[in-house]
Amino acid sequence: MGYEDSVYLAKLAEQAERYEEMVENMKNVASADQELTVEERNLLSVAYKNVIGARRASWRIVTSIEQKEESKGNESQVALIKEYRQKIEAELAKICEDILEVLDKHLIPSAQSGESKVFYHKMKGDYHRYLAEFALGDKRKESSDKSLEAYKNATEVAQTDLAPTHPIRLGLALNFSVFYYEILNSPDQACHLAKQAFDDAIAELDTLSEESYKDSTLIMQLLRDNLTLWTSSETENDNAADTNKEMSDAPAATPAAEAKPETKE
C-alpha cells in the first residue's frame, strides 16, 4: 500500500475509532524512513495513545480491585484477578515495545528538526515510563533508566531549539515531572522541574504566537495543577499517583490532545 493511502486510511480509522488499524497504517507511514509532517506525527501519536490509554485505564481499575480483594483475604478471586491483570500487562508491553521499535529504527534516525527530535525522544520516554508503571525488579529499573535517558535527551534539544512557551517543550516538562513523581518517587525534583517550566513560560508569555496560545496555556495550567497537588498535605499526596496530570504526545489543539480524566499527560 502506498504512503498517501496509508495516511488516508489512518485518518479514516481514527474517525471510525478503530485505533488498532490506525496504528498499523501509521506504522507503514513511519517505516518509510522520512521525516513525518506535523499532521502525520500527530496521527501516529493519536493511534498509539488510544490503544495504550485504554489498557492503562483497565490496568489501574483491575489493580485497584485486586488490592481490595487482597485486603479482604479473598484468595480465589485474587488469583483470577492476577491472571487477568497479567493478560493486560502483556498487551501493554507489546504495544510499548512496538512503538519503541518504530521510534528507534525509523523515527528518531530520520528526525531533522529540533521539534521532531524533542517530540520523538519525549514519546520514547513516555512509553518506557508506561512499561515502568507495571514492571517489577530489574525490568522496572531498566524501563525507568531508559525513560530517564530519553526525557533528558528531549530536554537537551528542547532547551536549545524550542522556546519555553512551545507546547511540545511544555508537554515534555509536564510528563518528565510526572515521571519523577510517580516512577522515581522524587516529589522535590518533580516540583522543581514543573515550576521551572511554568516560570520560564510565564516570563515569555507576551511573545507567544496566537496559534500556540491555547495549547501552551492549557499545559501551563496542567503544570500548575500538579504543583498544587504535589505541594498539598501529606494525606492528599498518598493518592497523588491516581490524579497526576499528564499530556498526550501532541499539543492540545491537535487531534492527539487527550487529557485523561484520572491523569493529565
Protein backbone atom coordinates (compact mmCIF):
# COMPACT_ATOMS: atom_id res chain seq x y z
CA MET A 1 0.00 0.00 0.00
CA GLY A 2 1.24 3.48 -0.86
CA TYR A 3 2.31 6.17 1.59
CA GLU A 4 -0.61 8.52 0.89
CA ASP A 5 -3.13 5.68 1.05
CA SER A 6 -1.81 4.64 4.47
CA VAL A 7 -2.17 8.20 5.78
CA TYR A 8 -5.71 8.42 4.41
CA LEU A 9 -6.71 5.06 5.92
CA ALA A 10 -5.23 6.12 9.26
CA LYS A 11 -7.50 9.20 9.22
CA LEU A 12 -10.45 7.01 8.26
CA ALA A 13 -9.67 4.55 11.07
CA GLU A 14 -9.48 7.46 13.53
CA GLN A 15 -12.94 8.66 12.51
CA ALA A 16 -14.25 5.10 12.90
CA GLU A 17 -12.46 4.82 16.28
CA ARG A 18 -10.63 1.70 15.07
CA TYR A 19 -7.32 2.60 16.67
CA GLU A 20 -5.52 -0.74 16.23
CA GLU A 21 -5.93 -0.34 12.46
CA MET A 22 -4.88 3.29 12.74
CA VAL A 23 -1.69 2.08 14.41
CA GLU A 24 -0.96 -0.39 11.59
CA ASN A 25 -1.44 2.26 8.91
CA MET A 26 0.76 4.78 10.70
CA LYS A 27 3.44 2.13 11.24
CA ASN A 28 3.57 1.77 7.45
CA VAL A 29 3.99 5.54 7.14
CA ALA A 30 6.64 5.69 9.88
CA SER A 31 8.63 2.86 8.28
CA ALA A 32 9.25 4.91 5.13
CA ASP A 33 12.30 6.45 6.84
CA GLN A 34 11.43 10.04 6.02
CA GLU A 35 10.56 12.87 8.36
CA LEU A 36 6.84 12.91 9.08
CA THR A 37 4.79 16.06 8.69
CA VAL A 38 3.26 17.56 11.83
CA GLU A 39 -0.10 16.05 10.84
CA GLU A 40 1.39 12.59 10.28
CA ARG A 41 3.31 12.78 13.53
CA ASN A 42 0.12 13.62 15.40
CA LEU A 43 -1.79 10.80 13.69
CA LEU A 44 0.85 8.35 14.89
CA SER A 45 0.62 9.80 18.39
CA VAL A 46 -3.18 9.60 18.48
CA ALA A 47 -3.17 5.99 17.29
CA TYR A 48 -0.78 4.70 19.93
CA LYS A 49 -2.14 6.95 22.66
CA ASN A 50 -5.60 5.45 22.24
CA VAL A 51 -4.54 1.80 22.19
CA ILE A 52 -2.24 2.26 25.19
CA GLY A 53 -4.57 4.61 27.06
CA ALA A 54 -7.47 2.17 27.14
CA ARG A 55 -5.25 -0.56 28.56
CA ARG A 56 -3.56 1.70 31.11
CA ALA A 57 -7.01 2.64 32.39
CA SER A 58 -8.02 -1.05 32.52
CA TRP A 59 -4.83 -1.93 34.39
CA ARG A 60 -5.46 0.74 37.02
CA ILE A 61 -9.01 -0.47 37.61
CA VAL A 62 -8.05 -4.15 37.83
CA THR A 63 -5.09 -3.39 40.12
CA SER A 64 -7.35 -1.42 42.44
CA ILE A 65 -9.86 -4.29 42.60
CA GLU A 66 -7.02 -6.76 43.22
CA GLN A 67 -5.80 -4.72 46.20
CA LYS A 68 -9.31 -4.54 47.66
CA GLU A 69 -9.83 -8.30 47.34
CA GLU A 70 -6.40 -8.96 48.87
CA SER A 71 -7.28 -6.81 51.87
CA LYS A 72 -10.44 -8.89 52.33
CA GLY A 73 -8.47 -12.15 52.11
CA ASN A 74 -10.40 -13.43 49.08
CA GLU A 75 -7.61 -15.65 47.73
CA SER A 76 -9.55 -17.38 44.95
CA GLN A 77 -10.69 -14.05 43.49
CA VAL A 78 -7.19 -12.59 43.83
CA ALA A 79 -5.76 -15.49 41.80
CA LEU A 80 -8.25 -14.84 39.00
CA ILE A 81 -7.65 -11.09 39.07
CA LYS A 82 -3.86 -11.56 39.00
CA GLU A 83 -4.11 -13.72 35.87
CA TYR A 84 -6.36 -11.14 34.23
CA ARG A 85 -4.04 -8.29 35.21
CA GLN A 86 -1.08 -10.15 33.70
CA LYS A 87 -3.00 -10.51 30.43
CA ILE A 88 -3.46 -6.72 30.33
CA GLU A 89 0.22 -6.22 31.18
CA ALA A 90 1.23 -8.46 28.25
CA GLU A 91 -0.87 -6.28 25.93
CA LEU A 92 0.66 -3.12 27.40
CA ALA A 93 4.17 -4.48 26.93
CA LYS A 94 3.50 -5.46 23.30
CA ILE A 95 2.17 -2.00 22.41
CA CYS A 96 5.05 -0.20 24.14
CA GLU A 97 7.71 -2.43 22.56
CA ASP A 98 6.04 -1.94 19.17
CA ILE A 99 6.19 1.87 19.16
CA LEU A 100 9.62 1.92 20.81
CA GLU A 101 10.98 -0.19 17.94
CA VAL A 102 9.43 2.19 15.39
CA LEU A 103 10.96 5.16 17.22
CA ASP A 104 14.45 3.64 17.48
CA LYS A 105 14.61 2.16 13.96
CA HIS A 106 12.84 4.82 11.91
CA LEU A 107 11.54 8.00 13.51
CA ILE A 108 14.45 9.14 15.68
CA PRO A 109 17.12 8.44 12.99
CA SER A 110 15.00 10.28 10.38
CA ALA A 111 14.21 13.31 12.56
CA GLN A 112 15.66 16.54 11.17
CA SER A 113 14.04 19.44 13.01
CA GLY A 114 14.54 20.19 16.70
CA GLU A 115 10.78 20.00 17.18
CA SER A 116 10.52 16.46 15.80
CA LYS A 117 13.58 15.30 17.77
CA VAL A 118 12.02 16.55 21.02
CA PHE A 119 8.67 15.00 20.09
CA TYR A 120 10.11 11.54 19.42
CA HIS A 121 12.51 11.44 22.39
CA LYS A 122 9.64 12.56 24.62
CA MET A 123 7.46 9.83 23.13
CA LYS A 124 10.24 7.31 23.83
CA GLY A 125 10.39 8.50 27.43
CA ASP A 126 6.62 8.20 27.76
CA TYR A 127 6.40 4.60 26.51
CA HIS A 128 9.31 3.41 28.64
CA ARG A 129 7.50 5.10 31.55
CA TYR A 130 4.34 3.17 30.75
CA LEU A 131 6.39 -0.04 30.92
CA ALA A 132 7.85 1.03 34.27
CA GLU A 133 4.34 1.59 35.66
CA PHE A 134 3.70 -2.14 35.94
CA ALA A 135 7.15 -3.76 35.67
CA LEU A 136 8.91 -5.14 38.75
CA GLY A 137 12.52 -5.53 39.87
CA ASP A 138 15.22 -5.33 37.19
CA LYS A 139 12.67 -4.81 34.41
CA ARG A 140 11.27 -1.77 36.18
CA LYS A 141 14.76 -0.33 36.68
CA GLU A 142 15.65 -0.92 33.03
CA SER A 143 12.48 0.81 31.78
CA SER A 144 12.93 3.63 34.29
CA ASP A 145 16.56 4.19 33.23
CA LYS A 146 15.64 4.25 29.53
CA SER A 147 12.75 6.63 30.20
CA LEU A 148 15.03 8.98 32.13
CA GLU A 149 17.63 8.93 29.34
CA ALA A 150 15.01 9.67 26.66
CA TYR A 151 13.47 12.54 28.64
CA LYS A 152 16.95 14.00 29.24
CA ASN A 153 17.77 13.78 25.51
CA ALA A 154 14.49 15.50 24.67
CA THR A 155 15.11 18.22 27.27
CA GLU A 156 18.61 18.91 25.95
CA VAL A 157 17.28 19.59 22.45
CA ALA A 158 14.20 21.46 23.71
CA GLN A 159 16.27 23.92 25.73
CA THR A 160 18.31 24.93 22.69
CA ASP A 161 15.77 24.61 19.85
CA LEU A 162 12.33 25.37 21.34
CA ALA A 163 11.02 28.44 23.15
CA PRO A 164 9.95 27.99 26.81
CA THR A 165 6.35 28.60 25.65
CA HIS A 166 6.44 25.94 22.91
CA PRO A 167 3.68 23.37 23.56
CA ILE A 168 5.96 20.39 22.92
CA ARG A 169 8.61 21.72 25.33
CA LEU A 170 5.92 22.36 27.96
CA GLY A 171 4.37 18.92 27.40
CA LEU A 172 7.79 17.36 27.83
CA ALA A 173 8.32 19.16 31.14
CA LEU A 174 4.87 18.06 32.30
CA ASN A 175 5.46 14.37 31.54
CA PHE A 176 9.06 14.40 32.76
CA SER A 177 7.91 15.83 36.09
CA VAL A 178 5.22 13.12 36.38
CA PHE A 179 7.99 10.57 35.73
CA TYR A 180 10.00 11.97 38.64
CA TYR A 181 6.95 11.93 40.90
CA GLU A 182 5.42 8.56 40.03
CA ILE A 183 8.31 6.38 38.84
CA LEU A 184 11.34 7.76 40.73
CA ASN A 185 9.33 8.84 43.80
CA SER A 186 11.14 12.20 43.74
CA PRO A 187 8.49 14.83 44.56
CA ASP A 188 11.07 17.59 45.12
CA GLN A 189 12.62 17.06 41.68
CA ALA A 190 9.15 16.80 40.11
CA CYS A 191 8.08 20.11 41.65
CA HIS A 192 11.34 21.82 40.71
CA LEU A 193 11.05 20.75 37.07
CA ALA A 194 7.37 21.69 36.78
CA LYS A 195 7.86 25.07 38.49
CA GLN A 196 10.89 25.93 36.36
CA ALA A 197 8.99 25.16 33.15
CA PHE A 198 5.97 27.17 34.31
CA ASP A 199 8.06 30.17 35.40
CA ASP A 200 10.14 30.15 32.19
CA ALA A 201 6.96 30.14 30.10
CA ILE A 202 5.33 32.92 32.15
CA ALA A 203 8.40 35.09 31.59
CA GLU A 204 7.95 34.84 27.80
CA LEU A 205 4.17 34.71 27.60
CA ASP A 206 4.00 38.03 25.75
CA THR A 207 5.97 36.53 22.85
CA LEU A 208 3.55 33.62 22.42
CA SER A 209 2.02 33.28 18.96
CA GLU A 210 -1.75 33.25 18.64
CA GLU A 211 -1.78 29.72 17.17
CA SER A 212 0.15 28.30 20.14
CA TYR A 213 -1.57 30.32 22.86
CA LYS A 214 -4.36 27.84 23.59
CA ASP A 215 -2.04 24.81 23.59
CA SER A 216 0.61 26.42 25.76
CA THR A 217 -1.70 27.93 28.35
CA LEU A 218 -3.54 24.61 28.73
CA ILE A 219 -0.31 22.75 29.50
CA MET A 220 0.79 25.53 31.86
CA GLN A 221 -2.49 25.03 33.74
CA LEU A 222 -1.75 21.29 33.99
CA LEU A 223 1.72 22.06 35.36
CA ARG A 224 0.18 24.35 37.95
CA ASP A 225 -2.47 21.76 38.86
CA ASN A 226 0.22 19.17 39.52
CA LEU A 227 2.27 21.61 41.58
CA THR A 228 -0.80 22.35 43.70
CA LEU A 229 -1.43 18.63 44.14
CA TRP A 230 2.17 17.75 44.95
CA THR A 231 2.64 20.54 47.47
CA SER A 232 -0.66 19.86 49.26
CA SER A 233 -1.00 17.95 52.53
CA GLU A 234 0.76 14.63 53.00
CA THR A 235 -2.58 12.83 53.27
CA GLU A 236 -3.65 14.03 49.85
CA ASN A 237 -0.27 13.11 48.39
CA ASP A 238 -0.90 9.47 49.28
CA ASN A 239 -3.44 9.41 46.45
CA ALA A 240 -1.49 11.62 44.05
CA ALA A 241 -0.48 8.86 41.64
CA ASP A 242 -4.10 8.47 40.57
CA THR A 243 -4.66 12.16 39.90
CA ASN A 244 -1.39 13.42 38.41
CA LYS A 245 -1.91 15.22 35.13
CA GLU A 246 -0.01 14.32 32.00
CA MET A 247 -0.06 15.47 28.40
CA SER A 248 -0.60 13.37 25.31
CA ASP A 249 2.21 13.13 22.78
CA ALA A 250 0.83 16.03 20.74
CA PRO A 251 -0.15 19.62 21.52
CA ALA A 252 -3.63 20.15 22.87
CA ALA A 253 -5.26 21.73 19.83
CA THR A 254 -4.29 18.85 17.53
CA PRO A 255 -6.42 15.70 17.20
CA ALA A 256 -3.96 13.99 19.55
CA ALA A 257 -4.88 16.10 22.54
CA GLU A 258 -6.29 13.89 25.20
CA ALA A 259 -6.02 14.67 28.86
CA LYS A 260 -7.09 11.61 30.76
CA PRO A 261 -9.70 12.10 33.49
CA GLU A 262 -7.52 10.38 36.07
CA THR A 263 -4.25 11.89 34.88
CA LYS A 264 -3.25 14.74 32.65
CA GLU A 265 -0.29 13.98 30.45
